[in-house]
Amino acid sequence: MNLLIDTNVILDVLLNREPFSREAYEVLRLAQREDIQEYVSASAITDIYYIINRNLKDKEQTRKLLQNLLTIVSVAAVTESEIRTALEGEWPDFEDSVQHAVALHAGINRIVTRNEKDYGKARIPVLSPAMLLRQI
C-alpha cells in the first residue's frame, strides 16, 4: 500500500502536537512494514521546513528533523504535470489539489490527513490517521 502523508500529520509528529501526535506517530511507524510505502510531496517538504523552523527557531535542528523524516518517507515529485492536474481540478484549496494530483500521478492508494473534508473531490480514499490505523 502506498500512502501520501499530508503536511498536518507530519507536523503533528515533528512538533509533538497534542492530542494528535500519538496517532500520527503510529502512522509513520507503519512505514517499517514491507507492504507499506509512505510519501510526502516535494511541495509539502518546503512547507514543513518553514513551519518547523518558525516554531523551533533553530535551522540545524529543523534540518536534522527533516533528514530523519526522509529516512522514513519518500518524496513524491511535484512537476508541471501535477500542477496542471491540480489547476484543472478546481478545488477550493489549491494546496490540497496539488497533494491529490501528486498522489494520483505517483500511483498512491490513500491520502492520510486530519483534514479529510478538504479532499471532498478526491478520486482516491482519504483517511484520518485513526481511520487508517483501524483499517490496518
C-alpha atoms as a PDB file:
ATOM      1  CA  MET A   1       0.000   0.000   0.000  1.00  0.00           C
ATOM      2  CA  ASN A   2       1.284   3.463  -0.919  1.00  0.00           C
ATOM      3  CA  LEU A   3       0.293   6.344   1.360  1.00  0.00           C
ATOM      4  CA  LEU A   4       0.645  10.087   0.868  1.00  0.00           C
ATOM      5  CA  ILE A   5       1.055  11.615   4.307  1.00  0.00           C
ATOM      6  CA  ASP A   6      -0.352  15.137   4.447  1.00  0.00           C
ATOM      7  CA  THR A   7       1.593  18.033   5.946  1.00  0.00           C
ATOM      8  CA  ASN A   8      -0.538  18.257   9.084  1.00  0.00           C
ATOM      9  CA  VAL A   9       0.192  14.637  10.054  1.00  0.00           C
ATOM     10  CA  ILE A  10       3.949  15.116   9.645  1.00  0.00           C
ATOM     11  CA  LEU A  11       3.833  18.318  11.696  1.00  0.00           C
ATOM     12  CA  ASP A  12       1.866  16.560  14.426  1.00  0.00           C
ATOM     13  CA  VAL A  13       4.800  14.184  14.879  1.00  0.00           C
ATOM     14  CA  LEU A  14       7.716  16.577  14.416  1.00  0.00           C
ATOM     15  CA  LEU A  15       6.234  19.292  16.632  1.00  0.00           C
ATOM     16  CA  ASN A  16       4.635  16.818  19.066  1.00  0.00           C
ATOM     17  CA  ARG A  17       1.243  18.478  18.656  1.00  0.00           C
ATOM     18  CA  GLU A  18      -1.189  17.054  21.175  1.00  0.00           C
ATOM     19  CA  PRO A  19      -3.616  15.385  21.056  1.00  0.00           C
ATOM     20  CA  PHE A  20      -2.722  14.330  17.501  1.00  0.00           C
ATOM     21  CA  SER A  21       0.902  13.280  17.797  1.00  0.00           C
ATOM     22  CA  ARG A  22       0.351   9.717  19.051  1.00  0.00           C
ATOM     23  CA  GLU A  23      -1.776   8.569  16.105  1.00  0.00           C
ATOM     24  CA  ALA A  24       0.423  10.469  13.645  1.00  0.00           C
ATOM     25  CA  TYR A  25       3.497   8.745  15.077  1.00  0.00           C
ATOM     26  CA  GLU A  26       1.806   5.352  14.672  1.00  0.00           C
ATOM     27  CA  VAL A  27       1.058   6.197  11.029  1.00  0.00           C
ATOM     28  CA  LEU A  28       4.734   6.931  10.377  1.00  0.00           C
ATOM     29  CA  ARG A  29       5.717   3.700  12.134  1.00  0.00           C
ATOM     30  CA  LEU A  30       3.714   1.785   9.536  1.00  0.00           C
ATOM     31  CA  ALA A  31       6.489   2.577   7.053  1.00  0.00           C
ATOM     32  CA  GLN A  32       8.549  -0.127   8.771  1.00  0.00           C
ATOM     33  CA  ARG A  33       6.287  -2.721   7.213  1.00  0.00           C
ATOM     34  CA  GLU A  34       7.337  -4.272   3.922  1.00  0.00           C
ATOM     35  CA  ASP A  35       3.878  -3.814   2.403  1.00  0.00           C
ATOM     36  CA  ILE A  36       3.599  -0.061   3.128  1.00  0.00           C
ATOM     37  CA  GLN A  37       5.449   2.796   1.450  1.00  0.00           C
ATOM     38  CA  GLU A  38       4.884   6.325   2.693  1.00  0.00           C
ATOM     39  CA  TYR A  39       5.352   9.519   0.713  1.00  0.00           C
ATOM     40  CA  VAL A  40       5.340  13.236   1.319  1.00  0.00           C
ATOM     41  CA  SER A  41       5.001  15.606  -1.618  1.00  0.00           C
ATOM     42  CA  ALA A  42       8.002  17.753  -2.523  1.00  0.00           C
ATOM     43  CA  SER A  43       5.906  20.871  -2.030  1.00  0.00           C
ATOM     44  CA  ALA A  44       4.948  19.727   1.477  1.00  0.00           C
ATOM     45  CA  ILE A  45       8.620  19.389   2.424  1.00  0.00           C
ATOM     46  CA  THR A  46       9.184  23.115   1.931  1.00  0.00           C
ATOM     47  CA  ASP A  47       6.079  23.923   3.991  1.00  0.00           C
ATOM     48  CA  ILE A  48       7.184  21.527   6.735  1.00  0.00           C
ATOM     49  CA  TYR A  49      10.655  23.081   6.867  1.00  0.00           C
ATOM     50  CA  TYR A  50       9.218  26.584   7.092  1.00  0.00           C
ATOM     51  CA  ILE A  51       6.723  25.750   9.856  1.00  0.00           C
ATOM     52  CA  ILE A  52       9.180  23.733  11.946  1.00  0.00           C
ATOM     53  CA  ASN A  53      11.892  26.354  11.675  1.00  0.00           C
ATOM     54  CA  ARG A  54       9.411  29.095  12.590  1.00  0.00           C
ATOM     55  CA  ASN A  55       8.458  27.123  15.705  1.00  0.00           C
ATOM     56  CA  LEU A  56      11.908  25.939  16.756  1.00  0.00           C
ATOM     57  CA  LYS A  57      13.903  28.947  15.562  1.00  0.00           C
ATOM     58  CA  ASP A  58      16.822  26.569  15.018  1.00  0.00           C
ATOM     59  CA  LYS A  59      17.832  25.798  11.416  1.00  0.00           C
ATOM     60  CA  GLU A  60      20.196  22.986  12.391  1.00  0.00           C
ATOM     61  CA  GLN A  61      17.544  21.202  14.458  1.00  0.00           C
ATOM     62  CA  THR A  62      14.996  21.730  11.680  1.00  0.00           C
ATOM     63  CA  ARG A  63      17.418  20.283   9.142  1.00  0.00           C
ATOM     64  CA  LYS A  64      18.054  17.233  11.348  1.00  0.00           C
ATOM     65  CA  LEU A  65      14.340  16.618  11.808  1.00  0.00           C
ATOM     66  CA  LEU A  66      13.807  16.664   8.047  1.00  0.00           C
ATOM     67  CA  GLN A  67      16.782  14.392   7.455  1.00  0.00           C
ATOM     68  CA  ASN A  68      15.304  11.930   9.949  1.00  0.00           C
ATOM     69  CA  LEU A  69      11.909  12.209   8.283  1.00  0.00           C
ATOM     70  CA  LEU A  70      13.482  11.296   4.945  1.00  0.00           C
ATOM     71  CA  THR A  71      14.723   8.020   6.430  1.00  0.00           C
ATOM     72  CA  ILE A  72      11.055   7.087   6.900  1.00  0.00           C
ATOM     73  CA  VAL A  73       9.207   8.568   3.918  1.00  0.00           C
ATOM     74  CA  SER A  74       9.993   9.069   0.262  1.00  0.00           C
ATOM     75  CA  VAL A  75       9.424  12.344  -1.555  1.00  0.00           C
ATOM     76  CA  ALA A  76       6.871  12.365  -4.378  1.00  0.00           C
ATOM     77  CA  ALA A  77       7.631  14.813  -7.159  1.00  0.00           C
ATOM     78  CA  VAL A  78       5.668  17.924  -7.959  1.00  0.00           C
ATOM     79  CA  THR A  79       6.143  18.672 -11.621  1.00  0.00           C
ATOM     80  CA  GLU A  80       4.321  20.735 -14.196  1.00  0.00           C
ATOM     81  CA  SER A  81       2.061  17.759 -14.815  1.00  0.00           C
ATOM     82  CA  GLU A  82       0.868  17.650 -11.195  1.00  0.00           C
ATOM     83  CA  ILE A  83       0.382  21.416 -11.148  1.00  0.00           C
ATOM     84  CA  ARG A  84      -1.692  21.292 -14.340  1.00  0.00           C
ATOM     85  CA  THR A  85      -3.821  18.480 -12.934  1.00  0.00           C
ATOM     86  CA  ALA A  86      -4.340  20.476  -9.732  1.00  0.00           C
ATOM     87  CA  LEU A  87      -5.335  23.589 -11.667  1.00  0.00           C
ATOM     88  CA  GLU A  88      -7.840  21.627 -13.733  1.00  0.00           C
ATOM     89  CA  GLY A  89      -9.388  20.157 -10.576  1.00  0.00           C
ATOM     90  CA  GLU A  90     -10.962  23.443  -9.472  1.00  0.00           C
ATOM     91  CA  TRP A  91     -10.658  22.525  -5.797  1.00  0.00           C
ATOM     92  CA  PRO A  92     -11.419  25.161  -3.156  1.00  0.00           C
ATOM     93  CA  ASP A  93      -7.865  24.801  -1.769  1.00  0.00           C
ATOM     94  CA  PHE A  94      -5.063  24.656  -4.338  1.00  0.00           C
ATOM     95  CA  GLU A  95      -2.564  23.079  -1.935  1.00  0.00           C
ATOM     96  CA  ASP A  96      -4.921  20.138  -1.316  1.00  0.00           C
ATOM     97  CA  SER A  97      -5.495  19.845  -5.051  1.00  0.00           C
ATOM     98  CA  VAL A  98      -1.735  19.607  -5.590  1.00  0.00           C
ATOM     99  CA  GLN A  99      -1.443  16.923  -2.898  1.00  0.00           C
ATOM    100  CA  HIS A 100      -4.202  14.951  -4.590  1.00  0.00           C
ATOM    101  CA  ALA A 101      -2.601  15.351  -8.031  1.00  0.00           C
ATOM    102  CA  VAL A 102       0.737  14.157  -6.643  1.00  0.00           C
ATOM    103  CA  ALA A 103      -0.976  11.080  -5.199  1.00  0.00           C
ATOM    104  CA  LEU A 104      -2.720  10.315  -8.492  1.00  0.00           C
ATOM    105  CA  HIS A 105       0.426  10.691 -10.596  1.00  0.00           C
ATOM    106  CA  ALA A 106       2.567   8.654  -8.176  1.00  0.00           C
ATOM    107  CA  GLY A 107       0.134   5.735  -8.000  1.00  0.00           C
ATOM    108  CA  ILE A 108      -0.591   6.307  -4.339  1.00  0.00           C
ATOM    109  CA  ASN A 109      -3.518   4.347  -2.884  1.00  0.00           C
ATOM    110  CA  ARG A 110      -4.549   6.595   0.005  1.00  0.00           C
ATOM    111  CA  ILE A 111      -4.065  10.077   1.417  1.00  0.00           C
ATOM    112  CA  VAL A 112      -3.691  10.343   5.190  1.00  0.00           C
ATOM    113  CA  THR A 113      -4.740  13.691   6.671  1.00  0.00           C
ATOM    114  CA  ARG A 114      -6.561  15.207   9.612  1.00  0.00           C
ATOM    115  CA  ASN A 115      -8.488  17.374   7.146  1.00  0.00           C
ATOM    116  CA  GLU A 116     -10.485  14.771   5.243  1.00  0.00           C
ATOM    117  CA  LYS A 117     -13.247  17.280   4.464  1.00  0.00           C
ATOM    118  CA  ASP A 118     -10.749  19.316   2.402  1.00  0.00           C
ATOM    119  CA  TYR A 119     -10.433  16.385  -0.008  1.00  0.00           C
ATOM    120  CA  GLY A 120     -14.092  16.121  -0.965  1.00  0.00           C
ATOM    121  CA  LYS A 121     -13.229  15.902  -4.668  1.00  0.00           C
ATOM    122  CA  ALA A 122     -10.630  13.156  -4.206  1.00  0.00           C
ATOM    123  CA  ARG A 123     -10.640  10.186  -6.548  1.00  0.00           C
ATOM    124  CA  ILE A 124      -8.707   8.024  -4.105  1.00  0.00           C
ATOM    125  CA  PRO A 125      -9.559   7.194  -0.487  1.00  0.00           C
ATOM    126  CA  VAL A 126      -8.736   9.880   2.088  1.00  0.00           C
ATOM    127  CA  LEU A 127      -8.364   8.710   5.669  1.00  0.00           C
ATOM    128  CA  SER A 128      -7.647  10.253   9.030  1.00  0.00           C
ATOM    129  CA  PRO A 129      -4.751   8.706  10.926  1.00  0.00           C
ATOM    130  CA  ALA A 130      -7.254   6.978  13.253  1.00  0.00           C
ATOM    131  CA  MET A 131      -9.196   5.548  10.307  1.00  0.00           C
ATOM    132  CA  LEU A 132      -6.039   4.240   8.675  1.00  0.00           C
ATOM    133  CA  LEU A 133      -4.836   2.615  11.890  1.00  0.00           C
ATOM    134  CA  ARG A 134      -8.206   0.891  12.322  1.00  0.00           C
ATOM    135  CA  GLN A 135      -8.056  -0.451   8.737  1.00  0.00           C
ATOM    136  CA  ILE A 136      -4.508  -1.788   9.052  1.00  0.00           C
END
